[in-house]
Amino acid sequence: MTVEHFEETIAALMGREPFQLFTVELNTGEQIEIDHARALIVRDGAAVFLGPGGVPHLFDHESVNQIIVAPAHTAA
């Protein structure tokens, strides 16, 4: 995924009102459910998500397989 596509897609999803959960699927198959817009920081093609319990998830545009507009438990 290009840096531009990564940043534009995430910005659009984070900007939805009201905020709706979405899932980032990594090339490894791991799925990260983004449950709060202010828990995700994106810059220069890299992201940090602070998950429930303060667990950090680091990923970048090259490690993303797809971004799914659905919570992880419903993502195919």
C-alpha atoms as a PDB file:
ATOM      1  CA  MET A   1       0.000   0.000   0.000  1.00  0.00           C
ATOM      2  CA  THR A   2       1.404   3.406  -0.897  1.00  0.00           C
ATOM      3  CA  VAL A   3       2.011   6.030   1.781  1.00  0.00           C
ATOM      4  CA  GLU A   4      -0.602   8.289   0.199  1.00  0.00           C
ATOM      5  CA  HIS A   5      -3.309   5.614   0.024  1.00  0.00           C
ATOM      6  CA  PHE A   6      -2.538   4.500   3.600  1.00  0.00           C
ATOM      7  CA  GLU A   7      -2.739   8.013   5.042  1.00  0.00           C
ATOM      8  CA  GLU A   8      -5.782   9.100   3.004  1.00  0.00           C
ATOM      9  CA  THR A   9      -7.762   5.964   3.846  1.00  0.00           C
ATOM     10  CA  ILE A  10      -7.021   6.141   7.556  1.00  0.00           C
ATOM     11  CA  ALA A  11      -7.733   9.882   7.685  1.00  0.00           C
ATOM     12  CA  ALA A  12     -11.108   9.348   6.008  1.00  0.00           C
ATOM     13  CA  LEU A  13     -12.047   6.550   8.409  1.00  0.00           C
ATOM     14  CA  MET A  14     -10.876   8.470  11.474  1.00  0.00           C
ATOM     15  CA  GLY A  15     -12.856  11.517  10.379  1.00  0.00           C
ATOM     16  CA  ARG A  16     -16.237   9.799  10.123  1.00  0.00           C
ATOM     17  CA  GLU A  17     -18.932  11.257  12.364  1.00  0.00           C
ATOM     18  CA  PRO A  18     -19.872   9.440  14.398  1.00  0.00           C
ATOM     19  CA  PHE A  19     -16.680   7.419  14.563  1.00  0.00           C
ATOM     20  CA  GLN A  20     -17.099   3.788  13.468  1.00  0.00           C
ATOM     21  CA  LEU A  21     -14.775   0.893  14.195  1.00  0.00           C
ATOM     22  CA  PHE A  22     -12.513  -0.298  11.406  1.00  0.00           C
ATOM     23  CA  THR A  23      -9.885  -3.003  11.073  1.00  0.00           C
ATOM     24  CA  VAL A  24      -6.312  -2.887   9.808  1.00  0.00           C
ATOM     25  CA  GLU A  25      -5.186  -6.267   8.521  1.00  0.00           C
ATOM     26  CA  LEU A  26      -1.431  -6.764   8.394  1.00  0.00           C
ATOM     27  CA  ASN A  27       0.488  -8.919   5.922  1.00  0.00           C
ATOM     28  CA  THR A  28       0.996 -11.432   8.757  1.00  0.00           C
ATOM     29  CA  GLY A  29      -2.785 -11.921   9.031  1.00  0.00           C
ATOM     30  CA  GLU A  30      -2.995 -10.061  12.344  1.00  0.00           C
ATOM     31  CA  GLN A  31      -6.056  -7.849  12.555  1.00  0.00           C
ATOM     32  CA  ILE A  32      -6.027  -4.668  14.621  1.00  0.00           C
ATOM     33  CA  GLU A  33      -9.440  -3.244  15.447  1.00  0.00           C
ATOM     34  CA  ILE A  34      -9.272   0.545  15.636  1.00  0.00           C
ATOM     35  CA  ASP A  35     -11.851   1.379  18.277  1.00  0.00           C
ATOM     36  CA  HIS A  36     -11.210   5.066  18.905  1.00  0.00           C
ATOM     37  CA  ALA A  37     -10.048   7.847  16.568  1.00  0.00           C
ATOM     38  CA  ARG A  38      -7.821   9.509  19.169  1.00  0.00           C
ATOM     39  CA  ALA A  39      -6.016   6.241  19.936  1.00  0.00           C
ATOM     40  CA  LEU A  40      -4.297   6.235  16.526  1.00  0.00           C
ATOM     41  CA  ILE A  41      -1.435   8.445  15.368  1.00  0.00           C
ATOM     42  CA  VAL A  42      -0.348   8.408  11.721  1.00  0.00           C
ATOM     43  CA  ARG A  43       2.683  10.168  10.284  1.00  0.00           C
ATOM     44  CA  ASP A  44       4.954   9.611   7.290  1.00  0.00           C
ATOM     45  CA  GLY A  45       3.381   6.254   6.413  1.00  0.00           C
ATOM     46  CA  ALA A  46       3.664   4.803   9.915  1.00  0.00           C
ATOM     47  CA  ALA A  47       1.063   4.401  12.656  1.00  0.00           C
ATOM     48  CA  VAL A  48       0.853   3.751  16.369  1.00  0.00           C
ATOM     49  CA  PHE A  49      -2.406   2.498  17.842  1.00  0.00           C
ATOM     50  CA  LEU A  50      -2.862   2.360  21.603  1.00  0.00           C
ATOM     51  CA  GLY A  51      -5.245  -0.540  22.119  1.00  0.00           C
ATOM     52  CA  PRO A  52      -7.351  -1.458  25.134  1.00  0.00           C
ATOM     53  CA  GLY A  53      -5.262  -1.824  28.267  1.00  0.00           C
ATOM     54  CA  GLY A  54      -2.583   0.462  26.837  1.00  0.00           C
ATOM     55  CA  VAL A  55      -1.197  -2.179  24.457  1.00  0.00           C
ATOM     56  CA  PRO A  56       0.686  -0.431  21.608  1.00  0.00           C
ATOM     57  CA  HIS A  57       0.471  -1.672  18.019  1.00  0.00           C
ATOM     58  CA  LEU A  58       3.012  -0.347  15.523  1.00  0.00           C
ATOM     59  CA  PHE A  59       2.527  -0.735  11.779  1.00  0.00           C
ATOM     60  CA  ASP A  60       3.376   1.046   8.553  1.00  0.00           C
ATOM     61  CA  HIS A  61       2.011   1.297   5.029  1.00  0.00           C
ATOM     62  CA  GLU A  62       4.188  -1.584   3.813  1.00  0.00           C
ATOM     63  CA  SER A  63       2.926  -3.986   6.502  1.00  0.00           C
ATOM     64  CA  VAL A  64      -0.772  -3.423   5.736  1.00  0.00           C
ATOM     65  CA  ASN A  65      -2.574  -5.987   3.594  1.00  0.00           C
ATOM     66  CA  GLN A  66      -5.918  -4.194   3.693  1.00  0.00           C
ATOM     67  CA  ILE A  67      -8.055  -1.780   5.661  1.00  0.00           C
ATOM     68  CA  ILE A  68     -11.522  -3.145   6.327  1.00  0.00           C
ATOM     69  CA  VAL A  69     -14.470  -0.879   7.050  1.00  0.00           C
ATOM     70  CA  ALA A  70     -15.817  -3.184   9.754  1.00  0.00           C
ATOM     71  CA  PRO A  71     -14.900  -4.355  13.261  1.00  0.00           C
ATOM     72  CA  ALA A  72     -12.403  -7.241  13.436  1.00  0.00           C
ATOM     73  CA  HIS A  73     -15.000  -9.732  14.665  1.00  0.00           C
ATOM     74  CA  THR A  74     -17.052  -9.198  11.476  1.00  0.00           C
ATOM     75  CA  ALA A  75     -14.134  -8.800   9.035  1.00  0.00           C
ATOM     76  CA  ALA A  76     -13.853 -11.661   6.556  1.00  0.00           C
END
